[in-house]
Amino acid sequence: MHLFLLIKKTMLFLGGDMKIFIWNVGTSTILTTIDCHPEVILSVSWNYNGSRIVTSCKDKIFRVINPRNGEVLQVK
């Protein structure tokens, strides 16, 4: 499964390896690699200004993540 989201020249790429990559489209560089999911990621969404993403995983846990540094801010 591959998912692309584009927000303000920043692209989120989600692959089947349970990692999320945040890319700078203008410079073609990876800004952040997020590796905090033990199982397949089923869904990911940005908030309105791009300062947070929320993911759901096959483990049935929601994670709120800071996409700038990959820090998991909240787990539910």
C-alpha atoms as a PDB file:
ATOM      1  CA  MET A   1       0.000   0.000   0.000  1.00  0.00           C
ATOM      2  CA  HIS A   2       1.286   3.451  -0.896  1.00  0.00           C
ATOM      3  CA  LEU A   3      -0.291   6.741   0.108  1.00  0.00           C
ATOM      4  CA  PHE A   4       0.746  10.234  -0.891  1.00  0.00           C
ATOM      5  CA  LEU A   5      -0.477  13.439   0.761  1.00  0.00           C
ATOM      6  CA  LEU A   6       0.775  16.834  -0.412  1.00  0.00           C
ATOM      7  CA  ILE A   7       0.606  19.884   1.883  1.00  0.00           C
ATOM      8  CA  LYS A   8       2.566  23.094   1.161  1.00  0.00           C
ATOM      9  CA  LYS A   9       5.440  21.473  -0.795  1.00  0.00           C
ATOM     10  CA  THR A  10       5.664  18.709   1.805  1.00  0.00           C
ATOM     11  CA  MET A  11       4.679  15.188   0.827  1.00  0.00           C
ATOM     12  CA  LEU A  12       3.834  12.340   3.144  1.00  0.00           C
ATOM     13  CA  PHE A  13       4.654   8.898   1.765  1.00  0.00           C
ATOM     14  CA  LEU A  14       3.343   5.782   3.471  1.00  0.00           C
ATOM     15  CA  GLY A  15       4.726   2.438   2.372  1.00  0.00           C
ATOM     16  CA  GLY A  16       4.082  -1.161   3.270  1.00  0.00           C
ATOM     17  CA  ASP A  17       7.114  -1.233   5.589  1.00  0.00           C
ATOM     18  CA  MET A  18       5.210   0.470   8.460  1.00  0.00           C
ATOM     19  CA  LYS A  19       7.191   3.693   8.059  1.00  0.00           C
ATOM     20  CA  ILE A  20       6.077   7.203   7.147  1.00  0.00           C
ATOM     21  CA  PHE A  21       8.385   9.509   5.200  1.00  0.00           C
ATOM     22  CA  ILE A  22       7.920  13.279   5.100  1.00  0.00           C
ATOM     23  CA  TRP A  23       9.543  14.743   1.970  1.00  0.00           C
ATOM     24  CA  ASN A  24      10.368  18.270   0.882  1.00  0.00           C
ATOM     25  CA  VAL A  25       9.117  18.188  -2.704  1.00  0.00           C
ATOM     26  CA  GLY A  26      11.141  21.255  -3.734  1.00  0.00           C
ATOM     27  CA  THR A  27      14.507  19.794  -2.708  1.00  0.00           C
ATOM     28  CA  SER A  28      13.665  16.070  -3.020  1.00  0.00           C
ATOM     29  CA  THR A  29      14.953  15.362   0.484  1.00  0.00           C
ATOM     30  CA  ILE A  30      13.503  13.352   3.348  1.00  0.00           C
ATOM     31  CA  LEU A  31      12.705  15.659   6.260  1.00  0.00           C
ATOM     32  CA  THR A  32      11.495  13.046   8.739  1.00  0.00           C
ATOM     33  CA  THR A  33      11.198   9.280   8.959  1.00  0.00           C
ATOM     34  CA  ILE A  34       8.532   8.074  11.377  1.00  0.00           C
ATOM     35  CA  ASP A  35       8.929   4.502  12.573  1.00  0.00           C
ATOM     36  CA  CYS A  36       6.580   3.928  15.519  1.00  0.00           C
ATOM     37  CA  HIS A  37       4.033   1.442  14.167  1.00  0.00           C
ATOM     38  CA  PRO A  38       4.319  -2.262  15.030  1.00  0.00           C
ATOM     39  CA  GLU A  39       1.832  -3.298  12.334  1.00  0.00           C
ATOM     40  CA  VAL A  40       0.492  -2.106   8.973  1.00  0.00           C
ATOM     41  CA  ILE A  41      -0.664   1.526   8.921  1.00  0.00           C
ATOM     42  CA  LEU A  42      -4.262   1.709   7.734  1.00  0.00           C
ATOM     43  CA  SER A  43      -4.925   5.450   7.714  1.00  0.00           C
ATOM     44  CA  VAL A  44      -3.116   8.772   8.050  1.00  0.00           C
ATOM     45  CA  SER A  45      -4.394  12.337   8.034  1.00  0.00           C
ATOM     46  CA  TRP A  46      -2.917  15.863   8.455  1.00  0.00           C
ATOM     47  CA  ASN A  47      -4.547  18.459  10.676  1.00  0.00           C
ATOM     48  CA  TYR A  48      -5.658  21.768   9.120  1.00  0.00           C
ATOM     49  CA  ASN A  49      -2.246  23.505   9.256  1.00  0.00           C
ATOM     50  CA  GLY A  50       0.099  20.527   8.840  1.00  0.00           C
ATOM     51  CA  SER A  51       1.518  20.625  12.364  1.00  0.00           C
ATOM     52  CA  ARG A  52       0.207  17.175  13.350  1.00  0.00           C
ATOM     53  CA  ILE A  53      -0.708  13.908  11.719  1.00  0.00           C
ATOM     54  CA  VAL A  54      -2.887  11.168  13.133  1.00  0.00           C
ATOM     55  CA  THR A  55      -2.489   7.541  12.169  1.00  0.00           C
ATOM     56  CA  SER A  56      -4.366   4.342  12.742  1.00  0.00           C
ATOM     57  CA  CYS A  57      -2.681   1.003  12.598  1.00  0.00           C
ATOM     58  CA  LYS A  58      -3.770  -2.624  12.473  1.00  0.00           C
ATOM     59  CA  ASP A  59      -3.097  -2.696  16.240  1.00  0.00           C
ATOM     60  CA  LYS A  60      -6.243  -0.506  16.660  1.00  0.00           C
ATOM     61  CA  ILE A  61      -4.304   2.370  18.251  1.00  0.00           C
ATOM     62  CA  PHE A  62      -4.497   6.007  17.136  1.00  0.00           C
ATOM     63  CA  ARG A  63      -1.262   7.992  17.259  1.00  0.00           C
ATOM     64  CA  VAL A  64      -0.944  11.772  17.084  1.00  0.00           C
ATOM     65  CA  ILE A  65       2.502  12.583  15.705  1.00  0.00           C
ATOM     66  CA  ASN A  66       4.536  15.736  15.168  1.00  0.00           C
ATOM     67  CA  PRO A  67       5.561  15.380  11.499  1.00  0.00           C
ATOM     68  CA  ARG A  68       8.550  17.709  11.930  1.00  0.00           C
ATOM     69  CA  ASN A  69      10.450  15.444  14.312  1.00  0.00           C
ATOM     70  CA  GLY A  70       8.486  12.149  14.392  1.00  0.00           C
ATOM     71  CA  GLU A  71       7.630  12.458  18.080  1.00  0.00           C
ATOM     72  CA  VAL A  72       4.504  10.571  19.136  1.00  0.00           C
ATOM     73  CA  LEU A  73       2.495  13.119  21.116  1.00  0.00           C
ATOM     74  CA  GLN A  74      -0.544  11.062  22.050  1.00  0.00           C
ATOM     75  CA  VAL A  75      -1.629   7.430  21.911  1.00  0.00           C
ATOM     76  CA  LYS A  76      -5.255   6.290  22.265  1.00  0.00           C
END
